[in-house]
Amino acid sequence: MSKQTPPSAVSAKNDAILFKLADIKPEEYRQQTRKATWIIIAMFVALAMLISSLLVMFFGEAGGDNFRLNVAGVAAGVVITAALVRLVFSKQPWMAANVYGWQLKRSLMSITNVMHNVTDGVAARNPAAMKLLRFYHLGLIQMHQLDGNTSEISQIVYEADAHKQSMQELGIDSDQQALDPVWIKAVKAK
């Protein structure tokens, strides 16, 4: 993965596409997510220790039981770290791989939530359901590749190839690299 932000979620100007798969090298993805994770862990530890120390210094008892103040400091560290990740860090280039992974998993979950409708639609040869299932297969394969979970990929590939063949027989484009929210609405409506 390059130093650029992967083209995942599309801006609000283009409501037609919710998420687009990006071409990412799994080794670089894992390297960048590990780096970002360590930065966040270091930030949390520093914040928790600093806040706990300040609470004990200002409100604690010398030689007394300051356990509650320490727990409060750790809890405050968790809240502040979560806020920093959500509001500040997620916009940083060094977090691009993590953000892409989260968006990929959220997109797959949005399909999983309507999978019973998708499977019914595929059985009825509904084009929206066929495209949705194809995107789901491609996204799931990519997620497992990025996570280094090769054993799961082999189980999906057979089903994905069979579905791709069905799409080609129906004349539906099988290169579904983007998730269109219209497809989800269409399968929900059926």
N, C-alpha and C. Protein backbone atom coordinates (compact mmCIF):
# COMPACT_ATOMS: atom_id res chain seq x y z
N MET A 1 0.84 -1.17 0.00
CA MET A 1 0.00 0.00 0.00
C MET A 1 0.88 1.23 0.00
N SER A 2 0.58 2.19 -0.81
CA SER A 2 1.38 3.39 -0.87
C SER A 2 1.07 4.28 0.34
N LYS A 3 1.78 5.38 0.41
CA LYS A 3 1.59 6.31 1.52
C LYS A 3 0.28 7.08 1.39
N GLN A 4 -0.38 6.97 0.23
CA GLN A 4 -1.62 7.67 0.03
C GLN A 4 -2.77 6.95 0.71
N THR A 5 -3.82 7.71 0.96
CA THR A 5 -5.03 7.13 1.54
C THR A 5 -5.71 6.27 0.48
N PRO A 6 -6.06 5.02 0.80
CA PRO A 6 -6.74 4.20 -0.20
C PRO A 6 -8.10 4.76 -0.54
N PRO A 7 -8.51 4.62 -1.81
CA PRO A 7 -9.81 5.16 -2.20
C PRO A 7 -10.93 4.25 -1.74
N SER A 8 -11.34 4.38 -0.52
CA SER A 8 -12.36 3.48 0.02
C SER A 8 -13.73 4.14 -0.03
N ALA A 9 -14.09 4.81 1.01
CA ALA A 9 -15.40 5.45 1.04
C ALA A 9 -15.36 6.65 0.11
N VAL A 10 -16.41 6.83 -0.63
CA VAL A 10 -16.50 7.92 -1.58
C VAL A 10 -17.17 9.10 -0.89
N SER A 11 -16.80 10.28 -1.28
CA SER A 11 -17.32 11.49 -0.62
C SER A 11 -18.83 11.60 -0.73
N ALA A 12 -19.39 12.46 0.08
CA ALA A 12 -20.84 12.64 0.13
C ALA A 12 -21.37 13.18 -1.20
N LYS A 13 -20.51 13.77 -2.04
CA LYS A 13 -20.95 14.29 -3.32
C LYS A 13 -21.43 13.16 -4.24
N ASN A 14 -20.82 11.98 -4.08
CA ASN A 14 -21.18 10.85 -4.93
C ASN A 14 -21.88 9.80 -4.07
N ASP A 15 -23.19 9.96 -3.92
CA ASP A 15 -23.96 9.05 -3.07
C ASP A 15 -24.18 7.69 -3.71
N ALA A 16 -23.80 7.54 -4.99
CA ALA A 16 -24.08 6.30 -5.70
C ALA A 16 -23.21 5.15 -5.20
N ILE A 17 -22.05 5.43 -4.64
CA ILE A 17 -21.16 4.36 -4.19
C ILE A 17 -20.85 4.56 -2.71
N LEU A 18 -21.08 3.51 -1.93
CA LEU A 18 -20.83 3.57 -0.50
C LEU A 18 -19.37 3.25 -0.19
N PHE A 19 -18.82 2.25 -0.89
CA PHE A 19 -17.46 1.79 -0.61
C PHE A 19 -16.88 1.19 -1.86
N LYS A 20 -15.57 1.39 -2.08
CA LYS A 20 -14.89 0.83 -3.23
C LYS A 20 -13.67 0.06 -2.76
N LEU A 21 -13.52 -1.16 -3.27
CA LEU A 21 -12.35 -1.96 -2.93
C LEU A 21 -11.11 -1.32 -3.52
N ALA A 22 -10.03 -1.33 -2.77
CA ALA A 22 -8.76 -0.77 -3.22
C ALA A 22 -7.75 -1.89 -3.40
N ASP A 23 -6.79 -1.66 -4.27
CA ASP A 23 -5.73 -2.62 -4.50
C ASP A 23 -4.64 -2.39 -3.45
N ILE A 24 -4.59 -3.27 -2.46
CA ILE A 24 -3.68 -3.11 -1.33
C ILE A 24 -2.85 -4.37 -1.17
N LYS A 25 -1.56 -4.20 -0.95
CA LYS A 25 -0.69 -5.35 -0.69
C LYS A 25 -0.85 -5.77 0.76
N PRO A 26 -1.21 -7.03 1.00
CA PRO A 26 -1.47 -7.49 2.38
C PRO A 26 -0.30 -7.27 3.34
N GLU A 27 0.93 -7.47 2.88
CA GLU A 27 2.08 -7.30 3.78
C GLU A 27 2.19 -5.85 4.24
N GLU A 28 2.02 -4.92 3.30
CA GLU A 28 2.11 -3.50 3.65
C GLU A 28 0.93 -3.09 4.54
N TYR A 29 -0.24 -3.65 4.26
CA TYR A 29 -1.43 -3.37 5.07
C TYR A 29 -1.17 -3.79 6.52
N ARG A 30 -0.70 -5.01 6.70
CA ARG A 30 -0.45 -5.49 8.07
C ARG A 30 0.65 -4.68 8.75
N GLN A 31 1.67 -4.30 8.01
CA GLN A 31 2.75 -3.49 8.58
C GLN A 31 2.20 -2.14 9.05
N GLN A 32 1.39 -1.51 8.22
CA GLN A 32 0.85 -0.20 8.59
C GLN A 32 -0.16 -0.29 9.73
N THR A 33 -0.98 -1.35 9.74
CA THR A 33 -1.94 -1.47 10.85
C THR A 33 -1.22 -1.76 12.16
N ARG A 34 -0.15 -2.54 12.12
CA ARG A 34 0.62 -2.78 13.35
C ARG A 34 1.24 -1.49 13.86
N LYS A 35 1.81 -0.71 12.96
CA LYS A 35 2.42 0.57 13.34
C LYS A 35 1.39 1.48 14.00
N ALA A 36 0.22 1.61 13.36
CA ALA A 36 -0.83 2.48 13.91
C ALA A 36 -1.32 1.96 15.26
N THR A 37 -1.42 0.64 15.38
CA THR A 37 -1.86 0.05 16.65
C THR A 37 -0.88 0.37 17.77
N TRP A 38 0.41 0.26 17.48
CA TRP A 38 1.41 0.57 18.51
C TRP A 38 1.39 2.04 18.89
N ILE A 39 1.15 2.91 17.92
CA ILE A 39 1.05 4.35 18.23
C ILE A 39 -0.13 4.60 19.17
N ILE A 40 -1.25 3.98 18.87
CA ILE A 40 -2.46 4.18 19.70
C ILE A 40 -2.25 3.59 21.09
N ILE A 41 -1.63 2.42 21.18
CA ILE A 41 -1.35 1.81 22.48
C ILE A 41 -0.44 2.72 23.30
N ALA A 42 0.61 3.24 22.67
CA ALA A 42 1.54 4.12 23.38
C ALA A 42 0.82 5.38 23.88
N MET A 43 -0.05 5.92 23.03
CA MET A 43 -0.82 7.11 23.41
C MET A 43 -1.73 6.79 24.60
N PHE A 44 -2.41 5.66 24.56
CA PHE A 44 -3.30 5.27 25.65
C PHE A 44 -2.51 5.10 26.95
N VAL A 45 -1.40 4.37 26.90
CA VAL A 45 -0.61 4.13 28.12
C VAL A 45 -0.13 5.45 28.70
N ALA A 46 0.38 6.34 27.83
CA ALA A 46 0.88 7.63 28.32
C ALA A 46 -0.26 8.45 28.95
N LEU A 47 -1.40 8.50 28.27
CA LEU A 47 -2.54 9.25 28.81
C LEU A 47 -3.03 8.67 30.13
N ALA A 48 -3.20 7.35 30.16
CA ALA A 48 -3.71 6.71 31.38
C ALA A 48 -2.76 6.94 32.55
N MET A 49 -1.46 6.80 32.31
CA MET A 49 -0.49 7.01 33.39
C MET A 49 -0.47 8.47 33.84
N LEU A 50 -0.50 9.38 32.88
CA LEU A 50 -0.46 10.81 33.21
C LEU A 50 -1.70 11.22 33.99
N ILE A 51 -2.87 10.83 33.51
CA ILE A 51 -4.10 11.22 34.19
C ILE A 51 -4.19 10.57 35.57
N SER A 52 -3.83 9.29 35.67
CA SER A 52 -3.83 8.62 36.98
C SER A 52 -2.89 9.32 37.95
N SER A 53 -1.69 9.65 37.48
CA SER A 53 -0.71 10.34 38.34
C SER A 53 -1.22 11.70 38.79
N LEU A 54 -1.83 12.43 37.86
CA LEU A 54 -2.35 13.76 38.22
C LEU A 54 -3.50 13.65 39.23
N LEU A 55 -4.38 12.68 39.02
CA LEU A 55 -5.48 12.49 39.97
C LEU A 55 -4.96 12.14 41.36
N VAL A 56 -3.99 11.25 41.42
CA VAL A 56 -3.43 10.86 42.72
C VAL A 56 -2.70 12.05 43.34
N MET A 57 -1.98 12.81 42.50
CA MET A 57 -1.23 13.95 43.02
C MET A 57 -2.17 15.00 43.62
N PHE A 58 -3.27 15.30 42.95
CA PHE A 58 -4.16 16.36 43.41
C PHE A 58 -5.23 15.89 44.40
N PHE A 59 -5.70 14.65 44.26
CA PHE A 59 -6.81 14.20 45.09
C PHE A 59 -6.49 12.99 45.96
N GLY A 60 -5.32 12.43 45.78
CA GLY A 60 -4.98 11.21 46.50
C GLY A 60 -4.47 11.44 47.91
N GLU A 61 -4.36 10.34 48.62
CA GLU A 61 -3.84 10.36 49.98
C GLU A 61 -2.46 9.74 49.96
N ALA A 62 -1.49 10.42 50.55
CA ALA A 62 -0.13 9.88 50.61
C ALA A 62 -0.14 8.60 51.41
N GLY A 63 0.32 7.51 50.80
CA GLY A 63 0.34 6.21 51.46
C GLY A 63 -1.03 5.59 51.61
N GLY A 64 -2.07 6.21 51.07
CA GLY A 64 -3.43 5.70 51.20
C GLY A 64 -3.84 4.86 50.00
N ASP A 65 -5.08 4.48 50.00
CA ASP A 65 -5.64 3.66 48.92
C ASP A 65 -6.12 4.58 47.80
N ASN A 66 -5.39 4.62 46.70
CA ASN A 66 -5.73 5.47 45.57
C ASN A 66 -6.19 4.66 44.36
N PHE A 67 -6.67 3.45 44.63
CA PHE A 67 -7.07 2.54 43.55
C PHE A 67 -8.15 3.17 42.67
N ARG A 68 -9.15 3.78 43.29
CA ARG A 68 -10.25 4.38 42.52
C ARG A 68 -9.76 5.51 41.63
N LEU A 69 -8.83 6.28 42.11
CA LEU A 69 -8.27 7.37 41.30
C LEU A 69 -7.49 6.80 40.12
N ASN A 70 -6.76 5.73 40.36
CA ASN A 70 -6.02 5.09 39.27
C ASN A 70 -6.97 4.51 38.22
N VAL A 71 -8.04 3.88 38.68
CA VAL A 71 -9.04 3.34 37.74
C VAL A 71 -9.70 4.47 36.96
N ALA A 72 -9.99 5.56 37.64
CA ALA A 72 -10.59 6.72 36.97
C ALA A 72 -9.63 7.28 35.92
N GLY A 73 -8.36 7.29 36.23
CA GLY A 73 -7.35 7.76 35.26
C GLY A 73 -7.29 6.86 34.04
N VAL A 74 -7.36 5.55 34.25
CA VAL A 74 -7.34 4.61 33.13
C VAL A 74 -8.61 4.76 32.29
N ALA A 75 -9.75 4.89 32.97
CA ALA A 75 -11.02 5.07 32.25
C ALA A 75 -10.99 6.37 31.43
N ALA A 76 -10.47 7.42 32.01
CA ALA A 76 -10.36 8.69 31.27
C ALA A 76 -9.41 8.53 30.09
N GLY A 77 -8.34 7.75 30.28
CA GLY A 77 -7.41 7.48 29.18
C GLY A 77 -8.08 6.75 28.04
N VAL A 78 -8.95 5.79 28.37
CA VAL A 78 -9.69 5.05 27.34
C VAL A 78 -10.59 6.00 26.56
N VAL A 79 -11.34 6.84 27.28
CA VAL A 79 -12.28 7.76 26.63
C VAL A 79 -11.54 8.76 25.74
N ILE A 80 -10.47 9.34 26.26
CA ILE A 80 -9.72 10.34 25.49
C ILE A 80 -9.06 9.69 24.28
N THR A 81 -8.49 8.49 24.46
CA THR A 81 -7.86 7.79 23.33
C THR A 81 -8.90 7.46 22.26
N ALA A 82 -10.07 6.99 22.67
CA ALA A 82 -11.14 6.68 21.70
C ALA A 82 -11.55 7.94 20.94
N ALA A 83 -11.66 9.04 21.64
CA ALA A 83 -12.03 10.30 20.99
C ALA A 83 -10.95 10.75 20.01
N LEU A 84 -9.69 10.63 20.43
CA LEU A 84 -8.59 10.99 19.54
C LEU A 84 -8.56 10.12 18.29
N VAL A 85 -8.78 8.83 18.46
CA VAL A 85 -8.79 7.92 17.31
C VAL A 85 -9.91 8.31 16.36
N ARG A 86 -11.09 8.54 16.92
CA ARG A 86 -12.27 8.83 16.10
C ARG A 86 -12.19 10.20 15.42
N LEU A 87 -11.77 11.22 16.15
CA LEU A 87 -11.83 12.59 15.65
C LEU A 87 -10.54 13.10 15.01
N VAL A 88 -9.40 12.60 15.44
CA VAL A 88 -8.13 13.14 14.95
C VAL A 88 -7.32 12.10 14.17
N PHE A 89 -7.02 10.98 14.81
CA PHE A 89 -6.12 10.00 14.20
C PHE A 89 -6.69 9.38 12.93
N SER A 90 -8.00 9.16 12.87
CA SER A 90 -8.59 8.50 11.70
C SER A 90 -8.41 9.30 10.42
N LYS A 91 -8.08 10.58 10.54
CA LYS A 91 -7.86 11.43 9.37
C LYS A 91 -6.38 11.50 8.98
N GLN A 92 -5.52 10.86 9.74
CA GLN A 92 -4.08 10.90 9.48
C GLN A 92 -3.67 9.84 8.46
N PRO A 93 -2.67 10.12 7.62
CA PRO A 93 -2.22 9.15 6.62
C PRO A 93 -1.73 7.83 7.23
N TRP A 94 -1.15 7.87 8.41
CA TRP A 94 -0.63 6.64 9.02
C TRP A 94 -1.75 5.72 9.52
N MET A 95 -2.98 6.24 9.54
CA MET A 95 -4.13 5.42 9.94
C MET A 95 -4.96 4.95 8.74
N ALA A 96 -4.53 5.27 7.52
CA ALA A 96 -5.32 4.97 6.32
C ALA A 96 -5.62 3.48 6.20
N ALA A 97 -4.66 2.64 6.48
CA ALA A 97 -4.87 1.19 6.36
C ALA A 97 -5.91 0.72 7.38
N ASN A 98 -5.83 1.20 8.60
CA ASN A 98 -6.81 0.82 9.62
C ASN A 98 -8.21 1.28 9.24
N VAL A 99 -8.32 2.51 8.79
CA VAL A 99 -9.62 3.06 8.40
C VAL A 99 -10.19 2.26 7.24
N TYR A 100 -9.35 1.93 6.27
CA TYR A 100 -9.82 1.12 5.13
C TYR A 100 -10.34 -0.24 5.62
N GLY A 101 -9.60 -0.88 6.51
CA GLY A 101 -10.02 -2.17 7.06
C GLY A 101 -11.35 -2.07 7.79
N TRP A 102 -11.52 -1.02 8.58
CA TRP A 102 -12.79 -0.82 9.29
C TRP A 102 -13.93 -0.62 8.30
N GLN A 103 -13.69 0.22 7.28
CA GLN A 103 -14.74 0.48 6.30
C GLN A 103 -15.09 -0.78 5.50
N LEU A 104 -14.09 -1.57 5.17
CA LEU A 104 -14.33 -2.83 4.46
C LEU A 104 -15.20 -3.75 5.31
N LYS A 105 -14.85 -3.90 6.56
CA LYS A 105 -15.62 -4.78 7.45
C LYS A 105 -17.03 -4.25 7.69
N ARG A 106 -17.18 -2.94 7.80
CA ARG A 106 -18.53 -2.37 7.96
C ARG A 106 -19.38 -2.60 6.71
N SER A 107 -18.76 -2.47 5.54
CA SER A 107 -19.48 -2.70 4.29
C SER A 107 -19.93 -4.16 4.19
N LEU A 108 -19.04 -5.07 4.55
CA LEU A 108 -19.40 -6.49 4.53
C LEU A 108 -20.51 -6.78 5.55
N MET A 109 -20.45 -6.13 6.70
CA MET A 109 -21.48 -6.34 7.72
C MET A 109 -22.83 -5.81 7.24
N SER A 110 -22.83 -4.72 6.48
CA SER A 110 -24.10 -4.20 5.97
C SER A 110 -24.76 -5.21 5.03
N ILE A 111 -23.96 -6.01 4.35
CA ILE A 111 -24.50 -7.06 3.48
C ILE A 111 -24.89 -8.27 4.32
N THR A 112 -24.08 -8.62 5.29
CA THR A 112 -24.40 -9.75 6.17
C THR A 112 -25.75 -9.55 6.85
N ASN A 113 -26.04 -8.30 7.20
CA ASN A 113 -27.31 -8.00 7.88
C ASN A 113 -28.53 -8.29 7.02
N VAL A 114 -28.36 -8.31 5.71
CA VAL A 114 -29.50 -8.60 4.81
C VAL A 114 -29.24 -9.86 3.99
N MET A 115 -28.35 -10.74 4.46
CA MET A 115 -27.94 -11.90 3.68
C MET A 115 -29.11 -12.82 3.34
N HIS A 116 -30.08 -12.94 4.23
CA HIS A 116 -31.23 -13.79 3.91
C HIS A 116 -31.97 -13.25 2.69
N ASN A 117 -32.08 -11.92 2.58
CA ASN A 117 -32.70 -11.30 1.41
C ASN A 117 -31.81 -11.49 0.17
N VAL A 118 -30.50 -11.41 0.37
CA VAL A 118 -29.56 -11.57 -0.74
C VAL A 118 -29.67 -12.98 -1.31
N THR A 119 -29.66 -13.99 -0.45
CA THR A 119 -29.73 -15.36 -0.94
C THR A 119 -31.06 -15.63 -1.64
N ASP A 120 -32.15 -15.07 -1.12
CA ASP A 120 -33.45 -15.21 -1.79
C ASP A 120 -33.41 -14.52 -3.16
N GLY A 121 -32.79 -13.34 -3.21
CA GLY A 121 -32.68 -12.60 -4.48
C GLY A 121 -31.81 -13.31 -5.49
N VAL A 122 -30.72 -13.92 -5.03
CA VAL A 122 -29.84 -14.66 -5.93
C VAL A 122 -30.59 -15.87 -6.49
N ALA A 123 -31.35 -16.53 -5.66
CA ALA A 123 -32.14 -17.68 -6.11
C ALA A 123 -33.16 -17.25 -7.17
N ALA A 124 -33.67 -16.01 -7.05
CA ALA A 124 -34.64 -15.48 -8.01
C ALA A 124 -33.95 -14.77 -9.18
N ARG A 125 -32.62 -14.81 -9.21
CA ARG A 125 -31.81 -14.17 -10.27
C ARG A 125 -31.99 -12.66 -10.33
N ASN A 126 -32.22 -12.03 -9.17
CA ASN A 126 -32.33 -10.58 -9.07
C ASN A 126 -30.95 -9.96 -9.31
N PRO A 127 -30.80 -9.08 -10.31
CA PRO A 127 -29.48 -8.50 -10.62
C PRO A 127 -28.83 -7.77 -9.44
N ALA A 128 -29.61 -7.03 -8.67
CA ALA A 128 -29.06 -6.31 -7.52
C ALA A 128 -28.50 -7.30 -6.49
N ALA A 129 -29.23 -8.36 -6.23
CA ALA A 129 -28.76 -9.37 -5.28
C ALA A 129 -27.52 -10.08 -5.81
N MET A 130 -27.50 -10.35 -7.11
CA MET A 130 -26.34 -11.01 -7.73
C MET A 130 -25.10 -10.13 -7.58
N LYS A 131 -25.23 -8.83 -7.84
CA LYS A 131 -24.10 -7.91 -7.72
C LYS A 131 -23.67 -7.78 -6.27
N LEU A 132 -24.64 -7.72 -5.38
CA LEU A 132 -24.34 -7.58 -3.96
C LEU A 132 -23.56 -8.78 -3.45
N LEU A 133 -23.98 -9.98 -3.84
CA LEU A 133 -23.26 -11.18 -3.41
C LEU A 133 -21.87 -11.24 -4.01
N ARG A 134 -21.72 -10.77 -5.24
CA ARG A 134 -20.39 -10.76 -5.86
C ARG A 134 -19.46 -9.80 -5.12
N PHE A 135 -19.96 -8.60 -4.81
CA PHE A 135 -19.14 -7.66 -4.04
C PHE A 135 -18.79 -8.26 -2.68
N TYR A 136 -19.75 -8.92 -2.07
CA TYR A 136 -19.52 -9.56 -0.76
C TYR A 136 -18.40 -10.58 -0.86
N HIS A 137 -18.44 -11.43 -1.89
CA HIS A 137 -17.38 -12.43 -2.08
C HIS A 137 -16.02 -11.76 -2.27
N LEU A 138 -15.96 -10.77 -3.16
CA LEU A 138 -14.70 -10.09 -3.42
C LEU A 138 -14.18 -9.38 -2.16
N GLY A 139 -15.07 -8.72 -1.44
CA GLY A 139 -14.67 -8.03 -0.21
C GLY A 139 -14.22 -8.99 0.87
N LEU A 140 -14.91 -10.12 0.99
CA LEU A 140 -14.55 -11.12 2.00
C LEU A 140 -13.20 -11.74 1.69
N ILE A 141 -12.96 -12.03 0.42
CA ILE A 141 -11.66 -12.57 0.01
C ILE A 141 -10.56 -11.56 0.33
N GLN A 142 -10.80 -10.28 -0.01
CA GLN A 142 -9.79 -9.27 0.29
C GLN A 142 -9.56 -9.13 1.78
N MET A 143 -10.62 -9.14 2.58
CA MET A 143 -10.48 -9.01 4.02
C MET A 143 -9.60 -10.14 4.57
N HIS A 144 -9.86 -11.37 4.12
CA HIS A 144 -9.07 -12.50 4.59
C HIS A 144 -7.62 -12.41 4.11
N GLN A 145 -7.41 -11.91 2.89
CA GLN A 145 -6.04 -11.72 2.40
C GLN A 145 -5.31 -10.68 3.25
N LEU A 146 -5.97 -9.57 3.53
CA LEU A 146 -5.35 -8.51 4.32
C LEU A 146 -5.02 -8.99 5.73
N ASP A 147 -5.91 -9.79 6.30
CA ASP A 147 -5.69 -10.31 7.65
C ASP A 147 -4.75 -11.50 7.68
N GLY A 148 -4.38 -12.01 6.50
CA GLY A 148 -3.48 -13.17 6.44
C GLY A 148 -4.18 -14.47 6.79
N ASN A 149 -5.47 -14.55 6.59
CA ASN A 149 -6.27 -15.71 6.94
C ASN A 149 -6.53 -16.53 5.67
N THR A 150 -5.51 -17.23 5.20
CA THR A 150 -5.61 -17.94 3.93
C THR A 150 -6.50 -19.17 3.99
N SER A 151 -6.68 -19.76 5.15
CA SER A 151 -7.53 -20.95 5.24
C SER A 151 -8.98 -20.62 4.94
N GLU A 152 -9.44 -19.43 5.30
CA GLU A 152 -10.81 -19.02 5.04
C GLU A 152 -11.03 -18.73 3.56
N ILE A 153 -9.99 -18.25 2.87
CA ILE A 153 -10.13 -17.90 1.45
C ILE A 153 -10.50 -19.12 0.62
N SER A 154 -9.84 -20.24 0.89
CA SER A 154 -10.09 -21.44 0.08
C SER A 154 -11.54 -21.89 0.18
N GLN A 155 -12.19 -21.65 1.30
CA GLN A 155 -13.59 -22.04 1.46
C GLN A 155 -14.52 -21.13 0.66
N ILE A 156 -14.13 -19.88 0.47
CA ILE A 156 -14.97 -18.91 -0.21
C ILE A 156 -14.81 -18.98 -1.72
N VAL A 157 -13.61 -19.29 -2.18
CA VAL A 157 -13.30 -19.22 -3.61
C VAL A 157 -14.22 -20.09 -4.46
N TYR A 158 -14.51 -21.28 -4.02
CA TYR A 158 -15.38 -22.16 -4.80
C TYR A 158 -16.77 -21.53 -4.98
N GLU A 159 -17.35 -21.07 -3.89
CA GLU A 159 -18.67 -20.43 -3.96
C GLU A 159 -18.62 -19.17 -4.81
N ALA A 160 -17.54 -18.38 -4.65
CA ALA A 160 -17.40 -17.13 -5.41
C ALA A 160 -17.27 -17.41 -6.91
N ASP A 161 -16.51 -18.42 -7.26
CA ASP A 161 -16.35 -18.77 -8.68
C ASP A 161 -17.65 -19.27 -9.29
N ALA A 162 -18.39 -20.07 -8.54
CA ALA A 162 -19.68 -20.57 -9.03
C ALA A 162 -20.66 -19.40 -9.23
N HIS A 163 -20.65 -18.47 -8.30
CA HIS A 163 -21.54 -17.31 -8.43
C HIS A 163 -21.11 -16.44 -9.60
N LYS A 164 -19.82 -16.26 -9.78
CA LYS A 164 -19.31 -15.47 -10.92
C LYS A 164 -19.78 -16.10 -12.23
N GLN A 165 -19.70 -17.41 -12.32
CA GLN A 165 -20.15 -18.12 -13.52
C GLN A 165 -21.64 -17.88 -13.77
N SER A 166 -22.44 -17.91 -12.73
CA SER A 166 -23.88 -17.65 -12.85
C SER A 166 -24.13 -16.24 -13.36
N MET A 167 -23.37 -15.29 -12.86
CA MET A 167 -23.52 -13.90 -13.30
C MET A 167 -23.17 -13.76 -14.78
N GLN A 168 -22.09 -14.40 -15.20
CA GLN A 168 -21.67 -14.33 -16.59
C GLN A 168 -22.71 -14.97 -17.51
N GLU A 169 -23.31 -16.05 -17.07
CA GLU A 169 -24.36 -16.69 -17.86
C GLU A 169 -25.57 -15.79 -18.03
N LEU A 170 -25.84 -14.95 -17.03
CA LEU A 170 -26.97 -14.03 -17.10
C LEU A 170 -26.60 -12.69 -17.75
N GLY A 171 -25.33 -12.54 -18.11
CA GLY A 171 -24.88 -11.30 -18.74
C GLY A 171 -24.70 -10.15 -17.78
N ILE A 172 -24.48 -10.46 -16.50
CA ILE A 172 -24.26 -9.43 -15.48
C ILE A 172 -22.76 -9.30 -15.24
N ASP A 173 -22.29 -8.06 -15.23
CA ASP A 173 -20.87 -7.81 -15.01
C ASP A 173 -20.44 -8.37 -13.66
N SER A 174 -19.42 -9.20 -13.66
CA SER A 174 -18.97 -9.84 -12.41
C SER A 174 -17.86 -9.05 -11.71
N ASP A 175 -17.41 -7.94 -12.30
CA ASP A 175 -16.37 -7.12 -11.67
C ASP A 175 -17.02 -6.07 -10.79
N GLN A 176 -17.48 -6.48 -9.63
CA GLN A 176 -18.20 -5.59 -8.71
C GLN A 176 -17.26 -5.13 -7.60
N GLN A 177 -16.49 -4.09 -7.89
CA GLN A 177 -15.48 -3.58 -6.96
C GLN A 177 -16.03 -2.50 -6.03
N ALA A 178 -17.27 -2.09 -6.24
CA ALA A 178 -17.85 -1.02 -5.43
C ALA A 178 -19.20 -1.45 -4.88
N LEU A 179 -19.49 -1.02 -3.68
CA LEU A 179 -20.77 -1.32 -3.03
C LEU A 179 -21.74 -0.17 -3.27
N ASP A 180 -22.81 -0.48 -3.94
CA ASP A 180 -23.84 0.51 -4.23
C ASP A 180 -24.98 0.33 -3.23
N PRO A 181 -25.29 1.35 -2.42
CA PRO A 181 -26.36 1.22 -1.43
C PRO A 181 -27.73 0.94 -2.06
N VAL A 182 -27.88 1.27 -3.33
CA VAL A 182 -29.13 0.99 -4.03
C VAL A 182 -29.38 -0.52 -4.06
N TRP A 183 -28.33 -1.31 -4.18
CA TRP A 183 -28.48 -2.77 -4.20
C TRP A 183 -29.07 -3.25 -2.88
N ILE A 184 -28.58 -2.72 -1.78
CA ILE A 184 -29.08 -3.13 -0.47
C ILE A 184 -30.54 -2.76 -0.33
N LYS A 185 -30.90 -1.55 -0.75
CA LYS A 185 -32.31 -1.14 -0.70
C LYS A 185 -33.18 -2.05 -1.58
N ALA A 186 -32.65 -2.40 -2.73
CA ALA A 186 -33.41 -3.25 -3.66
C ALA A 186 -33.67 -4.63 -3.09
N VAL A 187 -32.67 -5.24 -2.43
CA VAL A 187 -32.89 -6.58 -1.88
C VAL A 187 -33.76 -6.53 -0.63
N LYS A 188 -33.72 -5.44 0.09
CA LYS A 188 -34.59 -5.29 1.26
C LYS A 188 -36.05 -5.16 0.83
N ALA A 189 -36.27 -4.49 -0.31
CA ALA A 189 -37.63 -4.23 -0.78
C ALA A 189 -38.31 -5.50 -1.30
N LYS A 190 -37.56 -6.48 -1.71
CA LYS A 190 -38.16 -7.70 -2.31
C LYS A 190 -38.71 -8.62 -1.25
